[in-house]
PDB file of N, CA and C in Angstrom:
ATOM      1  N   MET A   1     -13.275   9.109  32.884  1.00  0.00           N
ATOM      2  CA  MET A   1     -14.229   9.508  31.855  1.00  0.00           C
ATOM      3  C   MET A   1     -15.460   8.613  31.968  1.00  0.00           C
ATOM      4  N   ASP A   2     -16.591   9.222  31.907  1.00  0.00           N
ATOM      5  CA  ASP A   2     -17.866   8.520  32.033  1.00  0.00           C
ATOM      6  C   ASP A   2     -18.285   7.943  30.692  1.00  0.00           C
ATOM      7  N   LEU A   3     -18.999   6.831  30.713  1.00  0.00           N
ATOM      8  CA  LEU A   3     -19.482   6.204  29.479  1.00  0.00           C
ATOM      9  C   LEU A   3     -20.364   7.168  28.694  1.00  0.00           C
ATOM     10  N   ASP A   4     -21.142   7.989  29.391  1.00  0.00           N
ATOM     11  CA  ASP A   4     -22.009   8.950  28.719  1.00  0.00           C
ATOM     12  C   ASP A   4     -21.208   9.994  27.941  1.00  0.00           C
ATOM     13  N   ASP A   5     -19.985  10.273  28.379  1.00  0.00           N
ATOM     14  CA  ASP A   5     -19.124  11.203  27.648  1.00  0.00           C
ATOM     15  C   ASP A   5     -18.652  10.593  26.340  1.00  0.00           C
ATOM     16  N   LEU A   6     -18.363   9.294  26.363  1.00  0.00           N
ATOM     17  CA  LEU A   6     -17.886   8.615  25.165  1.00  0.00           C
ATOM     18  C   LEU A   6     -19.009   8.360  24.165  1.00  0.00           C
ATOM     19  N   PHE A   7     -20.163   7.981  24.690  1.00  0.00           N
ATOM     20  CA  PHE A   7     -21.292   7.623  23.844  1.00  0.00           C
ATOM     21  C   PHE A   7     -22.502   8.443  24.255  1.00  0.00           C
ATOM     22  N   PRO A   8     -22.732   9.571  23.585  1.00  0.00           N
ATOM     23  CA  PRO A   8     -23.895  10.381  23.947  1.00  0.00           C
ATOM     24  C   PRO A   8     -25.167   9.540  23.919  1.00  0.00           C
ATOM     25  N   SER A   9     -26.026   9.810  24.875  1.00  0.00           N
ATOM     26  CA  SER A   9     -27.233   9.005  25.016  1.00  0.00           C
ATOM     27  C   SER A   9     -28.203   9.236  23.863  1.00  0.00           C
ATOM     28  N   LYS A  10     -28.615   8.156  23.248  1.00  0.00           N
ATOM     29  CA  LYS A  10     -29.659   8.181  22.240  1.00  0.00           C
ATOM     30  C   LYS A  10     -30.673   7.141  22.687  1.00  0.00           C
ATOM     31  N   PRO A  11     -31.894   7.331  22.322  1.00  0.00           N
ATOM     32  CA  PRO A  11     -32.896   6.351  22.736  1.00  0.00           C
ATOM     33  C   PRO A  11     -32.525   4.941  22.274  1.00  0.00           C
ATOM     34  N   GLY A  12     -32.485   4.020  23.221  1.00  0.00           N
ATOM     35  CA  GLY A  12     -32.214   2.625  22.889  1.00  0.00           C
ATOM     36  C   GLY A  12     -30.795   2.327  22.459  1.00  0.00           C
ATOM     37  N   ASP A  13     -29.837   3.186  22.804  1.00  0.00           N
ATOM     38  CA  ASP A  13     -28.448   2.961  22.417  1.00  0.00           C
ATOM     39  C   ASP A  13     -27.963   1.656  23.050  1.00  0.00           C
ATOM     40  N   PRO A  14     -27.612   0.643  22.251  1.00  0.00           N
ATOM     41  CA  PRO A  14     -27.233  -0.655  22.805  1.00  0.00           C
ATOM     42  C   PRO A  14     -25.996  -0.607  23.703  1.00  0.00           C
ATOM     43  N   LEU A  15     -25.044   0.288  23.432  1.00  0.00           N
ATOM     44  CA  LEU A  15     -23.851   0.365  24.275  1.00  0.00           C
ATOM     45  C   LEU A  15     -24.187   0.877  25.660  1.00  0.00           C
ATOM     46  N   VAL A  16     -25.067   1.854  25.732  1.00  0.00           N
ATOM     47  CA  VAL A  16     -25.486   2.385  27.025  1.00  0.00           C
ATOM     48  C   VAL A  16     -26.255   1.316  27.796  1.00  0.00           C
ATOM     49  N   GLU A  17     -27.145   0.624  27.104  1.00  0.00           N
ATOM     50  CA  GLU A  17     -27.930  -0.430  27.751  1.00  0.00           C
ATOM     51  C   GLU A  17     -27.023  -1.568  28.228  1.00  0.00           C
ATOM     52  N   LEU A  18     -26.039  -1.921  27.436  1.00  0.00           N
ATOM     53  CA  LEU A  18     -25.108  -2.992  27.795  1.00  0.00           C
ATOM     54  C   LEU A  18     -24.323  -2.627  29.053  1.00  0.00           C
ATOM     55  N   ALA A  19     -23.863  -1.390  29.134  1.00  0.00           N
ATOM     56  CA  ALA A  19     -23.074  -0.949  30.283  1.00  0.00           C
ATOM     57  C   ALA A  19     -23.903  -0.887  31.562  1.00  0.00           C
ATOM     58  N   LYS A  20     -25.191  -0.719  31.430  1.00  0.00           N
ATOM     59  CA  LYS A  20     -26.069  -0.633  32.604  1.00  0.00           C
ATOM     60  C   LYS A  20     -26.487  -2.005  33.125  1.00  0.00           C
ATOM     61  N   GLN A  21     -26.269  -3.051  32.347  1.00  0.00           N
ATOM     62  CA  GLN A  21     -26.737  -4.380  32.718  1.00  0.00           C
ATOM     63  C   GLN A  21     -26.006  -4.908  33.959  1.00  0.00           C
ATOM     64  N   ASP A  22     -26.777  -5.454  34.899  1.00  0.00           N
ATOM     65  CA  ASP A  22     -26.228  -6.049  36.107  1.00  0.00           C
ATOM     66  C   ASP A  22     -25.566  -7.381  35.748  1.00  0.00           C
ATOM     67  N   LEU A  23     -24.298  -7.532  36.080  1.00  0.00           N
ATOM     68  CA  LEU A  23     -23.555  -8.740  35.745  1.00  0.00           C
ATOM     69  C   LEU A  23     -23.642  -9.808  36.828  1.00  0.00           C
ATOM     70  N   ASP A  24     -24.143  -9.450  38.008  1.00  0.00           N
ATOM     71  CA  ASP A  24     -24.184 -10.398  39.136  1.00  0.00           C
ATOM     72  C   ASP A  24     -24.918 -11.699  38.827  1.00  0.00           C
ATOM     73  N   PRO A  25     -26.079 -11.661  38.185  1.00  0.00           N
ATOM     74  CA  PRO A  25     -26.794 -12.928  37.975  1.00  0.00           C
ATOM     75  C   PRO A  25     -26.266 -13.772  36.804  1.00  0.00           C
ATOM     76  N   ILE A  26     -25.239 -13.305  36.117  1.00  0.00           N
ATOM     77  CA  ILE A  26     -24.737 -14.012  34.932  1.00  0.00           C
ATOM     78  C   ILE A  26     -23.641 -14.992  35.341  1.00  0.00           C
ATOM     79  N   SER A  27     -23.724 -16.217  34.832  1.00  0.00           N
ATOM     80  CA  SER A  27     -22.737 -17.250  35.171  1.00  0.00           C
ATOM     81  C   SER A  27     -21.391 -16.964  34.514  1.00  0.00           C
ATOM     82  N   ILE A  28     -20.361 -17.626  35.006  1.00  0.00           N
ATOM     83  CA  ILE A  28     -19.012 -17.489  34.438  1.00  0.00           C
ATOM     84  C   ILE A  28     -19.015 -17.881  32.969  1.00  0.00           C
ATOM     85  N   GLU A  29     -19.694 -18.970  32.629  1.00  0.00           N
ATOM     86  CA  GLU A  29     -19.751 -19.428  31.241  1.00  0.00           C
ATOM     87  C   GLU A  29     -20.421 -18.373  30.358  1.00  0.00           C
ATOM     88  N   GLU A  30     -21.485 -17.780  30.867  1.00  0.00           N
ATOM     89  CA  GLU A  30     -22.176 -16.736  30.099  1.00  0.00           C
ATOM     90  C   GLU A  30     -21.308 -15.485  29.959  1.00  0.00           C
ATOM     91  N   LEU A  31     -20.551 -15.173  31.005  1.00  0.00           N
ATOM     92  CA  LEU A  31     -19.644 -14.026  30.931  1.00  0.00           C
ATOM     93  C   LEU A  31     -18.532 -14.275  29.912  1.00  0.00           C
ATOM     94  N   LEU A  32     -18.010 -15.494  29.890  1.00  0.00           N
ATOM     95  CA  LEU A  32     -16.979 -15.830  28.903  1.00  0.00           C
ATOM     96  C   LEU A  32     -17.540 -15.734  27.477  1.00  0.00           C
ATOM     97  N   ALA A  33     -18.751 -16.208  27.288  1.00  0.00           N
ATOM     98  CA  ALA A  33     -19.391 -16.112  25.976  1.00  0.00           C
ATOM     99  C   ALA A  33     -19.609 -14.656  25.594  1.00  0.00           C
ATOM    100  N   ARG A  34     -19.977 -13.846  26.571  1.00  0.00           N
ATOM    101  CA  ARG A  34     -20.189 -12.415  26.331  1.00  0.00           C
ATOM    102  C   ARG A  34     -18.879 -11.745  25.917  1.00  0.00           C
ATOM    103  N   ILE A  35     -17.792 -12.092  26.605  1.00  0.00           N
ATOM    104  CA  ILE A  35     -16.478 -11.543  26.260  1.00  0.00           C
ATOM    105  C   ILE A  35     -16.099 -11.912  24.832  1.00  0.00           C
ATOM    106  N   GLU A  36     -16.314 -13.165  24.452  1.00  0.00           N
ATOM    107  CA  GLU A  36     -15.995 -13.596  23.086  1.00  0.00           C
ATOM    108  C   GLU A  36     -16.830 -12.836  22.058  1.00  0.00           C
ATOM    109  N   ALA A  37     -18.099 -12.637  22.354  1.00  0.00           N
ATOM    110  CA  ALA A  37     -18.970 -11.887  21.445  1.00  0.00           C
ATOM    111  C   ALA A  37     -18.496 -10.445  21.323  1.00  0.00           C
ATOM    112  N   LEU A  38     -18.080  -9.859  22.436  1.00  0.00           N
ATOM    113  CA  LEU A  38     -17.586  -8.477  22.403  1.00  0.00           C
ATOM    114  C   LEU A  38     -16.264  -8.385  21.638  1.00  0.00           C
ATOM    115  N   LYS A  39     -15.386  -9.371  21.811  1.00  0.00           N
ATOM    116  CA  LYS A  39     -14.122  -9.387  21.057  1.00  0.00           C
ATOM    117  C   LYS A  39     -14.392  -9.485  19.555  1.00  0.00           C
ATOM    118  N   THR A  40     -15.363 -10.304  19.186  1.00  0.00           N
ATOM    119  CA  THR A  40     -15.740 -10.435  17.779  1.00  0.00           C
ATOM    120  C   THR A  40     -16.271  -9.114  17.242  1.00  0.00           C
ATOM    121  N   GLU A  41     -17.080  -8.437  18.034  1.00  0.00           N
ATOM    122  CA  GLU A  41     -17.622  -7.146  17.609  1.00  0.00           C
ATOM    123  C   GLU A  41     -16.522  -6.093  17.495  1.00  0.00           C
ATOM    124  N   ILE A  42     -15.572  -6.108  18.422  1.00  0.00           N
ATOM    125  CA  ILE A  42     -14.443  -5.174  18.348  1.00  0.00           C
ATOM    126  C   ILE A  42     -13.655  -5.412  17.062  1.00  0.00           C
ATOM    127  N   ALA A  43     -13.392  -6.664  16.735  1.00  0.00           N
ATOM    128  CA  ALA A  43     -12.660  -6.993  15.501  1.00  0.00           C
ATOM    129  C   ALA A  43     -13.431  -6.524  14.273  1.00  0.00           C
ATOM    130  N   ARG A  44     -14.752  -6.677  14.294  1.00  0.00           N
ATOM    131  CA  ARG A  44     -15.585  -6.230  13.164  1.00  0.00           C
ATOM    132  C   ARG A  44     -15.515  -4.709  13.004  1.00  0.00           C
ATOM    133  N   VAL A  45     -15.574  -3.993  14.114  1.00  0.00           N
ATOM    134  CA  VAL A  45     -15.516  -2.534  14.068  1.00  0.00           C
ATOM    135  C   VAL A  45     -14.132  -2.070  13.613  1.00  0.00           C
ATOM    136  N   GLU A  46     -13.081  -2.714  14.120  1.00  0.00           N
ATOM    137  CA  GLU A  46     -11.728  -2.347  13.705  1.00  0.00           C
ATOM    138  C   GLU A  46     -11.522  -2.596  12.214  1.00  0.00           C
ATOM    139  N   ALA A  47     -12.037  -3.701  11.692  1.00  0.00           N
ATOM    140  CA  ALA A  47     -11.919  -3.993  10.260  1.00  0.00           C
ATOM    141  C   ALA A  47     -12.655  -2.932   9.444  1.00  0.00           C
ATOM    142  N   HIS A  48     -13.815  -2.533   9.916  1.00  0.00           N
ATOM    143  CA  HIS A  48     -14.572  -1.489   9.218  1.00  0.00           C
ATOM    144  C   HIS A  48     -13.797  -0.170   9.233  1.00  0.00           C
ATOM    145  N   MET A  49     -13.218   0.165  10.374  1.00  0.00           N
ATOM    146  CA  MET A  49     -12.422   1.398  10.469  1.00  0.00           C
ATOM    147  C   MET A  49     -11.236   1.358   9.514  1.00  0.00           C
ATOM    148  N   ASN A  50     -10.572   0.211   9.440  1.00  0.00           N
ATOM    149  CA  ASN A  50      -9.422   0.076   8.541  1.00  0.00           C
ATOM    150  C   ASN A  50      -9.836   0.235   7.079  1.00  0.00           C
ATOM    151  N   ARG A  51     -10.983  -0.367   6.711  1.00  0.00           N
ATOM    152  CA  ARG A  51     -11.477  -0.210   5.332  1.00  0.00           C
ATOM    153  C   ARG A  51     -11.835   1.243   5.046  1.00  0.00           C
ATOM    154  N   ALA A  52     -12.464   1.901   6.006  1.00  0.00           N
ATOM    155  CA  ALA A  52     -12.854   3.301   5.817  1.00  0.00           C
ATOM    156  C   ALA A  52     -11.615   4.181   5.678  1.00  0.00           C
ATOM    157  N   GLN A  53     -10.594   3.925   6.502  1.00  0.00           N
ATOM    158  CA  GLN A  53      -9.366   4.710   6.419  1.00  0.00           C
ATOM    159  C   GLN A  53      -8.651   4.472   5.094  1.00  0.00           C
ATOM    160  N   ALA A  54      -8.599   3.230   4.638  1.00  0.00           N
ATOM    161  CA  ALA A  54      -7.962   2.923   3.356  1.00  0.00           C
ATOM    162  C   ALA A  54      -8.711   3.607   2.215  1.00  0.00           C
ATOM    163  N   HIS A  55     -10.022   3.593   2.286  1.00  0.00           N
ATOM    164  CA  HIS A  55     -10.843   4.240   1.261  1.00  0.00           C
ATOM    165  C   HIS A  55     -10.588   5.745   1.260  1.00  0.00           C
ATOM    166  N   ARG A  56     -10.547   6.331   2.434  1.00  0.00           N
ATOM    167  CA  ARG A  56     -10.307   7.773   2.540  1.00  0.00           C
ATOM    168  C   ARG A  56      -8.917   8.127   2.025  1.00  0.00           C
ATOM    169  N   SER A  57      -7.918   7.325   2.403  1.00  0.00           N
ATOM    170  CA  SER A  57      -6.550   7.583   1.946  1.00  0.00           C
ATOM    171  C   SER A  57      -6.455   7.486   0.427  1.00  0.00           C
ATOM    172  N   ALA A  58      -7.131   6.500  -0.144  1.00  0.00           N
ATOM    173  CA  ALA A  58      -7.121   6.344  -1.600  1.00  0.00           C
ATOM    174  C   ALA A  58      -7.794   7.546  -2.269  1.00  0.00           C
ATOM    175  N   ALA A  59      -8.880   8.007  -1.717  1.00  0.00           N
ATOM    176  CA  ALA A  59      -9.586   9.164  -2.285  1.00  0.00           C
ATOM    177  C   ALA A  59      -8.721  10.424  -2.166  1.00  0.00           C
ATOM    178  N   GLU A  60      -8.079  10.610  -1.031  1.00  0.00           N
ATOM    179  CA  GLU A  60      -7.215  11.773  -0.856  1.00  0.00           C
ATOM    180  C   GLU A  60      -6.052  11.737  -1.833  1.00  0.00           C
ATOM    181  N   GLU A  61      -5.489  10.561  -2.042  1.00  0.00           N
ATOM    182  CA  GLU A  61      -4.370  10.412  -2.991  1.00  0.00           C
ATOM    183  C   GLU A  61      -4.838  10.686  -4.422  1.00  0.00           C
ATOM    184  N   LEU A  62      -6.014  10.216  -4.769  1.00  0.00           N
ATOM    185  CA  LEU A  62      -6.555  10.422  -6.101  1.00  0.00           C
ATOM    186  C   LEU A  62      -6.756  11.907  -6.396  1.00  0.00           C
ATOM    187  N   PHE A  63      -7.294  12.630  -5.438  1.00  0.00           N
ATOM    188  CA  PHE A  63      -7.590  14.043  -5.660  1.00  0.00           C
ATOM    189  C   PHE A  63      -6.387  14.941  -5.431  1.00  0.00           C
ATOM    190  N   LYS A  64      -5.318  14.386  -4.898  1.00  0.00           N
ATOM    191  CA  LYS A  64      -4.087  15.140  -4.684  1.00  0.00           C
ATOM    192  C   LYS A  64      -3.378  15.391  -6.006  1.00  0.00           C
ATOM    193  N   LYS A  65      -3.570  14.470  -6.967  1.00  0.00           N
ATOM    194  CA  LYS A  65      -2.835  14.529  -8.240  1.00  0.00           C
ATOM    195  C   LYS A  65      -3.380  15.571  -9.158  1.00  0.00           C
TER     196      LYS A  65
END
């Protein structure tokens, strides 16, 4: 699956720009820092998804009654 399939292109989409970046000139230390930053962002997105799902579940339960 291509990245463009997962993330439709929008002007200035940071994920598309990030995937296009050449990693060759980046040092190991910078790559490790980049990985840590990406892990932090993944955790932030997962937490947001969990809150959204909990909110949706609560709303569905409320209106079910």
